[in-house]
């Protein structure tokens, strides 16, 4: 990239993150900025959007910040979440704050208490993610941002798709990380990790390395190591396939909504679904909508829902959460499924 050389800001051997100087304010080259502008414009109204960038201090999020600031100017602001888990996090947040101050980018360090552990899957990373997005969404309201941008990139997408393949995921899971969902946008899904690191380095910045990225206790870190030297996976192909599966998932979701409206009806004590010859994947999605209509707080993991639908397919009643499903015969001898709140369990 055609950028003049400036001194970098390397962390010291003790792990302290030094603050940048005001002189180090290089910007990405014009080609990278133009490419990013096109990627962002496919997700937002680029002439009006107020964008909040989530910045951890790693190369991915720093590149996102540099590119977004170059495209949007003062319509770009930033925030860094200190989860209070690692002792170095406060220094890392201060590093990002000073970098933003030197570049005239509004920035805030966000802190809060981790939500309590609830259920079998509420591990530390899940709780940290919940805190992170809660704090960022609240801050969006404070600064008037209408979109939140995160630094997920093509390598993240490859890792996600492979992990979900290993777990036997269906269409929704294999769609991987979405480029857009709600108010969150991920404009870097077509960029490789190495591209982003090069942008940051060319701007004279040494990004922070999160130690969890190489910690073998985490599934993703182990997979990242395994994929690092894999020459068989084509990143562009994987990203394109994930995008196609996301479109297919959206189409299935749209169809399931139409069928829910046309083939499900309210009964005295619940909902009746006229099953007909609807394919299994659509039946599964329609049943999910029926269950959530009866119990919006239902805890419904993928495999449990599949077992529930398979039981009804075989003509057996089934219970999931607080909802019972029964198979009934319609007057025309067709099949319908009836969903209603499950009766209270009798005490032993």
Protein backbone atom coordinates (compact mmCIF):
# COMPACT_ATOMS: atom_id res chain seq x y z
CA UNK A 1 0.00 0.00 0.00
CA UNK A 2 1.31 3.46 -0.90
CA UNK A 3 1.69 4.93 2.58
CA UNK A 4 4.76 6.67 3.95
CA UNK A 5 6.59 4.96 6.78
CA UNK A 6 5.99 6.08 10.38
CA UNK A 7 7.00 4.54 13.69
CA UNK A 8 4.68 1.91 15.11
CA UNK A 9 3.32 1.51 18.65
CA UNK A 10 4.43 -1.95 19.80
CA UNK A 11 3.28 -3.29 23.19
CA UNK A 12 6.10 -3.77 25.65
CA UNK A 13 7.32 -7.18 26.77
CA UNK A 14 5.46 -6.70 30.07
CA UNK A 15 2.15 -6.58 28.22
CA UNK A 16 1.54 -2.85 28.80
CA UNK A 17 -0.04 -1.17 25.79
CA UNK A 18 1.72 2.16 25.06
CA UNK A 19 -0.39 5.06 23.87
CA UNK A 20 0.07 6.41 20.33
CA UNK A 21 1.39 9.87 19.62
CA UNK A 22 -0.62 12.51 17.81
CA UNK A 23 1.80 12.35 14.88
CA UNK A 24 0.73 8.87 13.89
CA UNK A 25 -2.42 9.62 11.91
CA UNK A 26 -1.89 7.94 8.56
CA UNK A 27 -4.94 6.68 6.70
CA UNK A 28 -5.48 3.58 4.50
CA UNK A 29 -4.67 3.97 0.82
CA UNK A 30 -7.32 5.04 -1.67
CA UNK A 31 -7.82 1.56 -3.14
CA UNK A 32 -8.68 0.02 0.23
CA UNK A 33 -11.00 2.91 1.08
CA UNK A 34 -12.82 2.62 -2.26
CA UNK A 35 -13.25 -1.13 -1.81
CA UNK A 36 -14.63 -0.64 1.70
CA UNK A 37 -16.98 2.10 0.53
CA UNK A 38 -18.53 -0.33 -1.94
CA UNK A 39 -18.86 -3.09 0.68
CA UNK A 40 -20.47 -0.74 3.21
CA UNK A 41 -22.81 0.77 0.61
CA UNK A 42 -24.31 -2.68 0.00
CA UNK A 43 -25.41 -2.78 3.65
CA UNK A 44 -26.38 0.79 4.59
CA UNK A 45 -27.32 4.16 3.13
CA UNK A 46 -23.78 5.39 3.02
CA UNK A 47 -24.78 9.05 2.66
CA UNK A 48 -26.88 9.08 5.82
CA UNK A 49 -25.73 6.31 8.15
CA UNK A 50 -24.44 7.10 11.64
CA UNK A 51 -22.09 4.22 12.36
CA UNK A 52 -20.78 2.97 15.68
CA UNK A 53 -17.70 0.76 15.29
CA UNK A 54 -16.92 -1.86 17.93
CA UNK A 55 -13.15 -1.71 18.43
CA UNK A 56 -11.19 -4.11 20.60
CA UNK A 57 -7.72 -3.00 19.56
CA UNK A 58 -7.08 -6.06 17.41
CA UNK A 59 -6.08 -5.69 13.77
CA UNK A 60 -9.55 -6.61 12.44
CA UNK A 61 -11.49 -3.97 14.35
CA UNK A 62 -8.75 -1.33 13.98
CA UNK A 63 -8.80 -1.77 10.20
CA UNK A 64 -12.57 -1.45 10.27
CA UNK A 65 -12.28 1.76 12.27
CA UNK A 66 -9.65 3.26 9.96
CA UNK A 67 -11.67 2.43 6.85
CA UNK A 68 -15.01 3.57 8.27
CA UNK A 69 -13.53 6.84 9.49
CA UNK A 70 -11.98 7.48 6.08
CA UNK A 71 -15.36 6.93 4.36
CA UNK A 72 -17.78 8.49 6.85
CA UNK A 73 -15.78 11.15 8.67
CA UNK A 74 -17.61 12.46 11.73
CA UNK A 75 -20.55 10.10 11.08
CA UNK A 76 -18.31 7.35 12.47
CA UNK A 77 -17.82 6.87 16.21
CA UNK A 78 -16.23 4.03 18.19
CA UNK A 79 -16.61 2.12 21.43
CA UNK A 80 -14.48 -0.43 23.26
CA UNK A 81 -15.95 -2.87 25.76
CA UNK A 82 -13.88 -3.77 28.81
CA UNK A 83 -15.49 -6.96 30.09
CA UNK A 84 -13.39 -6.90 33.26
CA UNK A 85 -12.14 -10.42 32.57
CA UNK A 86 -8.47 -9.78 31.69
CA UNK A 87 -6.18 -7.44 33.60
CA UNK A 88 -4.72 -6.07 30.34
CA UNK A 89 -8.11 -5.01 29.01
CA UNK A 90 -8.06 -1.57 30.65
CA UNK A 91 -4.70 -0.73 29.02
CA UNK A 92 -5.99 -1.98 25.67
CA UNK A 93 -9.10 0.20 25.94
CA UNK A 94 -6.92 3.20 26.82
CA UNK A 95 -4.80 2.48 23.73
CA UNK A 96 -7.88 2.61 21.50
CA UNK A 97 -9.18 5.74 23.25
CA UNK A 98 -5.94 7.64 22.63
CA UNK A 99 -5.77 6.45 19.02
CA UNK A 100 -9.31 7.74 18.44
CA UNK A 101 -8.56 11.03 20.21
CA UNK A 102 -5.54 11.64 17.97
CA UNK A 103 -7.68 11.01 14.90
CA UNK A 104 -10.66 13.06 16.03
CA UNK A 105 -12.95 10.04 16.33
CA UNK A 106 -15.51 10.01 19.13
CA UNK A 107 -14.83 7.06 21.42
CA UNK A 108 -16.12 5.61 24.67
CA UNK A 109 -14.91 2.79 26.89
CA UNK A 110 -17.92 0.74 28.05
CA UNK A 111 -17.96 -1.39 31.19
CA UNK A 112 -20.56 -3.45 33.01
CA UNK A 113 -21.20 -6.57 35.03
CA UNK A 114 -21.27 -9.95 33.32
CA UNK A 115 -24.75 -11.47 33.34
CA UNK A 116 -25.14 -14.45 35.71
CA UNK A 117 -24.62 -17.97 34.46
CA UNK A 118 -27.98 -19.48 33.48
CA UNK A 119 -28.49 -22.90 31.92
CA UNK A 120 -26.04 -25.38 30.51
CA UNK A 121 -24.67 -23.24 27.68
CA UNK A 122 -24.11 -19.94 29.48
CA UNK A 123 -20.31 -20.19 29.50
CA UNK A 124 -17.94 -17.26 29.95
CA UNK A 125 -17.65 -16.36 26.26
CA UNK A 126 -21.44 -16.45 25.87
CA UNK A 127 -21.94 -14.17 28.86
CA UNK A 128 -19.20 -11.80 27.65
CA UNK A 129 -20.86 -11.59 24.25
CA UNK A 130 -24.24 -10.82 25.85
CA UNK A 131 -22.67 -8.03 27.92
CA UNK A 132 -20.78 -6.65 24.91
CA UNK A 133 -23.83 -6.31 22.69
CA UNK A 134 -26.02 -4.96 25.49
CA UNK A 135 -23.50 -2.21 26.22
CA UNK A 136 -22.96 -1.40 22.54
CA UNK A 137 -26.68 -1.23 21.78
CA UNK A 138 -27.26 1.10 24.74
CA UNK A 139 -24.38 3.30 23.59
CA UNK A 140 -25.85 3.47 20.08
CA UNK A 141 -28.86 5.26 21.55
CA UNK A 142 -26.59 7.69 23.42
CA UNK A 143 -24.63 8.75 20.33
CA UNK A 144 -27.48 8.56 17.82
CA UNK A 145 -25.97 5.70 15.80
CA UNK A 146 -28.35 3.68 13.63
CA UNK A 147 -25.92 0.86 12.79
CA UNK A 148 -23.27 -1.06 14.71
CA UNK A 149 -20.30 -2.38 12.69
CA UNK A 150 -18.15 -5.30 13.79
CA UNK A 151 -14.88 -6.53 12.32
CA UNK A 152 -15.83 -10.10 11.33
CA UNK A 153 -13.95 -11.10 8.19
CA UNK A 154 -13.54 -13.96 5.69
CA UNK A 155 -11.32 -16.06 7.97
CA UNK A 156 -13.92 -15.79 10.74
CA UNK A 157 -16.52 -16.96 8.24
CA UNK A 158 -14.43 -19.99 7.20
CA UNK A 159 -13.87 -20.98 10.83
CA UNK A 160 -17.56 -20.60 11.64
CA UNK A 161 -18.73 -22.67 8.67
CA UNK A 162 -16.23 -25.47 9.36
CA UNK A 163 -17.14 -25.56 13.07
CA UNK A 164 -20.82 -25.84 12.18
CA UNK A 165 -20.14 -28.52 9.58
CA UNK A 166 -18.46 -30.50 12.33
CA UNK A 167 -21.59 -30.13 14.45
CA UNK A 168 -23.95 -31.24 11.67
CA UNK A 169 -25.62 -27.86 11.23
CA UNK A 170 -28.45 -27.28 8.78
CA UNK A 171 -29.08 -24.45 6.34
CA UNK A 172 -29.35 -21.72 8.99
CA UNK A 173 -26.13 -22.77 10.72
CA UNK A 174 -24.13 -23.15 7.51
CA UNK A 175 -25.15 -19.65 6.46
CA UNK A 176 -22.44 -18.67 8.94
CA UNK A 177 -21.98 -15.04 9.93
CA UNK A 178 -24.50 -12.73 8.28
CA UNK A 179 -23.33 -9.54 6.59
CA UNK A 180 -26.33 -7.78 8.09
CA UNK A 181 -28.90 -8.57 10.74
CA UNK A 182 -31.06 -6.08 12.58
CA UNK A 183 -28.92 -3.02 13.23
CA UNK A 184 -25.59 -4.89 13.04
CA UNK A 185 -23.49 -4.80 9.87
CA UNK A 186 -20.31 -6.71 9.03
CA UNK A 187 -18.81 -5.07 5.93
CA UNK A 188 -15.49 -6.97 6.09
CA UNK A 189 -16.76 -10.50 5.40
CA UNK A 190 -15.04 -10.45 2.01
CA UNK A 191 -11.66 -9.38 3.46
CA UNK A 192 -8.93 -11.72 4.63
CA UNK A 193 -7.30 -11.36 8.03
CA UNK A 194 -3.96 -10.67 6.35
CA UNK A 195 -5.48 -7.80 4.29
CA UNK A 196 -6.70 -6.09 7.44
CA UNK A 197 -3.44 -6.59 9.31
CA UNK A 198 -1.57 -5.01 6.38
CA UNK A 199 -3.83 -1.93 6.47
CA UNK A 200 -3.19 -1.40 10.17
CA UNK A 201 0.56 -1.96 9.86
CA UNK A 202 0.80 0.43 6.91
CA UNK A 203 -0.83 3.10 9.06
CA UNK A 204 1.99 2.73 11.59
CA UNK A 205 -0.03 0.87 14.21
CA UNK A 206 0.86 -2.36 15.99
CA UNK A 207 -2.43 -4.04 16.80
CA UNK A 208 -3.13 -5.81 20.09
CA UNK A 209 -3.09 -9.61 20.10
CA UNK A 210 -5.84 -11.15 22.22
CA UNK A 211 -4.28 -14.20 23.95
CA UNK A 212 -7.56 -16.13 23.65
CA UNK A 213 -6.98 -16.27 19.87
CA UNK A 214 -4.20 -18.82 20.40
CA UNK A 215 -5.50 -20.48 23.56
CA UNK A 216 -6.06 -24.19 22.88
CA UNK A 217 -8.81 -24.29 25.51
CA UNK A 218 -11.09 -22.71 22.90
CA UNK A 219 -12.47 -24.72 19.96
CA UNK A 220 -12.09 -21.81 17.56
CA UNK A 221 -8.45 -21.22 18.47
CA UNK A 222 -7.61 -24.87 17.80
CA UNK A 223 -9.46 -24.80 14.51
CA UNK A 224 -7.73 -21.56 13.51
CA UNK A 225 -4.37 -23.25 13.93
CA UNK A 226 -5.50 -26.24 11.86
CA UNK A 227 -6.78 -24.02 9.03
CA UNK A 228 -3.85 -21.61 9.04
CA UNK A 229 -1.76 -23.67 6.60
CA UNK A 230 -4.65 -25.32 4.75
CA UNK A 231 -4.29 -24.58 1.03
CA UNK A 232 -7.34 -26.57 -0.08
CA UNK A 233 -10.07 -24.30 1.28
CA UNK A 234 -10.80 -21.36 -1.02
CA UNK A 235 -11.85 -18.39 1.13
CA UNK A 236 -13.84 -16.68 -1.61
CA UNK A 237 -15.70 -19.92 -2.34
CA UNK A 238 -16.58 -20.55 1.29
CA UNK A 239 -17.77 -16.96 1.75
CA UNK A 240 -19.88 -17.18 -1.43
CA UNK A 241 -21.43 -20.49 -0.33
CA UNK A 242 -22.26 -19.10 3.10
CA UNK A 243 -23.91 -16.09 1.45
CA UNK A 244 -25.95 -18.38 -0.84
CA UNK A 245 -27.06 -20.44 2.15
CA UNK A 246 -28.03 -17.24 3.97
CA UNK A 247 -30.27 -16.37 1.00
CA UNK A 248 -31.75 -19.89 1.08
CA UNK A 249 -32.37 -19.59 4.83
CA UNK A 250 -34.14 -16.27 4.28
CA UNK A 251 -36.30 -17.87 1.56
CA UNK A 252 -37.25 -20.76 3.84
CA UNK A 253 -38.04 -18.34 6.65
CA UNK A 254 -40.23 -16.24 4.37
CA UNK A 255 -42.09 -19.33 3.14
CA UNK A 256 -42.58 -20.62 6.69
CA UNK A 257 -44.15 -17.31 7.69
CA UNK A 258 -46.59 -17.47 4.77
CA UNK A 259 -47.55 -21.07 5.58
CA UNK A 260 -47.95 -20.26 9.27
CA UNK A 261 -50.46 -17.57 8.34
CA UNK A 262 -52.34 -19.77 5.85
CA UNK A 263 -52.18 -23.26 7.40
CA UNK A 264 -52.26 -22.56 11.14
CA UNK A 265 -55.30 -21.39 13.05
CA UNK A 266 -56.09 -20.54 16.62
CA UNK A 267 -58.09 -23.17 18.49
CA UNK A 268 -59.86 -22.91 21.85
CA UNK A 269 -56.77 -23.99 23.77
CA UNK A 270 -53.94 -23.52 21.34
CA UNK A 271 -52.98 -23.67 17.66
CA UNK A 272 -53.84 -26.21 14.96
CA UNK A 273 -51.41 -26.76 12.08
CA UNK A 274 -52.74 -28.49 8.93
CA UNK A 275 -49.63 -30.45 8.01
CA UNK A 276 -50.46 -31.72 4.53
CA UNK A 277 -47.39 -32.63 2.44
CA UNK A 278 -45.21 -29.73 3.57
CA UNK A 279 -41.49 -30.76 3.53
CA UNK A 280 -39.79 -31.47 6.84
CA UNK A 281 -37.64 -28.34 7.03
CA UNK A 282 -40.67 -26.12 6.55
CA UNK A 283 -42.68 -28.19 9.04
CA UNK A 284 -39.90 -27.71 11.57
CA UNK A 285 -39.89 -23.95 11.10
CA UNK A 286 -43.68 -23.70 11.25
CA UNK A 287 -43.78 -25.79 14.43
CA UNK A 288 -41.19 -23.49 15.96
CA UNK A 289 -43.45 -20.52 15.25
CA UNK A 290 -46.42 -22.37 16.77
CA UNK A 291 -44.48 -23.15 19.94
CA UNK A 292 -43.23 -19.60 20.33
CA UNK A 293 -46.75 -18.24 19.78
CA UNK A 294 -47.90 -20.31 22.76
CA UNK A 295 -44.80 -19.83 24.94
CA UNK A 296 -42.60 -16.89 23.84
CA UNK A 297 -39.96 -17.79 26.44
CA UNK A 298 -39.63 -21.45 25.45
CA UNK A 299 -36.09 -22.90 25.58
CA UNK A 300 -35.85 -24.67 22.24
CA UNK A 301 -32.48 -26.07 21.13
CA UNK A 302 -32.21 -27.40 17.58
CA UNK A 303 -31.98 -31.12 18.31
CA UNK A 304 -34.86 -30.99 20.79
CA UNK A 305 -37.09 -29.35 18.20
CA UNK A 306 -36.14 -31.95 15.57
CA UNK A 307 -37.00 -34.80 17.99
CA UNK A 308 -40.31 -33.12 18.79
CA UNK A 309 -41.28 -32.86 15.11
CA UNK A 310 -40.10 -36.42 14.37
CA UNK A 311 -42.33 -37.73 17.15
CA UNK A 312 -45.36 -35.96 15.67
CA UNK A 313 -44.38 -37.29 12.23
CA UNK A 314 -44.59 -40.81 13.63
CA UNK A 315 -48.06 -40.15 15.08
CA UNK A 316 -46.96 -39.83 18.71
CA UNK A 317 -47.71 -36.91 21.05
CA UNK A 318 -44.70 -34.96 22.31
CA UNK A 319 -43.86 -32.28 24.85
CA UNK A 320 -41.24 -29.57 24.47
CA UNK A 321 -40.78 -27.04 27.22
CA UNK A 322 -44.24 -26.13 28.39
CA UNK A 323 -46.02 -27.03 25.14
CA UNK A 324 -47.64 -30.34 24.16
CA UNK A 325 -48.19 -31.43 20.57
CA UNK A 326 -50.89 -33.95 19.58
CA UNK A 327 -51.70 -35.54 16.23
CA UNK A 328 -55.37 -35.23 15.23
CA UNK A 329 -57.37 -36.33 12.20
CA UNK A 330 -59.25 -33.68 10.28
CA UNK A 331 -62.82 -34.25 8.99
CA UNK A 332 -61.38 -34.81 5.48
CA UNK A 333 -59.07 -37.52 6.91
CA UNK A 334 -56.06 -35.25 6.59
CA UNK A 335 -53.56 -34.80 9.41
CA UNK A 336 -53.24 -31.84 11.73
CA UNK A 337 -51.08 -31.13 14.74
CA UNK A 338 -52.57 -29.46 17.79
CA UNK A 339 -50.34 -27.41 20.12
CA UNK A 340 -51.40 -26.24 23.55
CA UNK A 341 -49.86 -25.55 26.97
CA UNK A 342 -48.80 -28.85 28.51
CA UNK A 343 -50.75 -29.90 31.62
CA UNK A 344 -48.88 -29.57 34.93
CA UNK A 345 -46.75 -32.54 35.83
CA UNK A 346 -48.12 -34.60 38.68
CA UNK A 347 -45.99 -34.71 41.78
CA UNK A 348 -44.40 -38.12 42.45
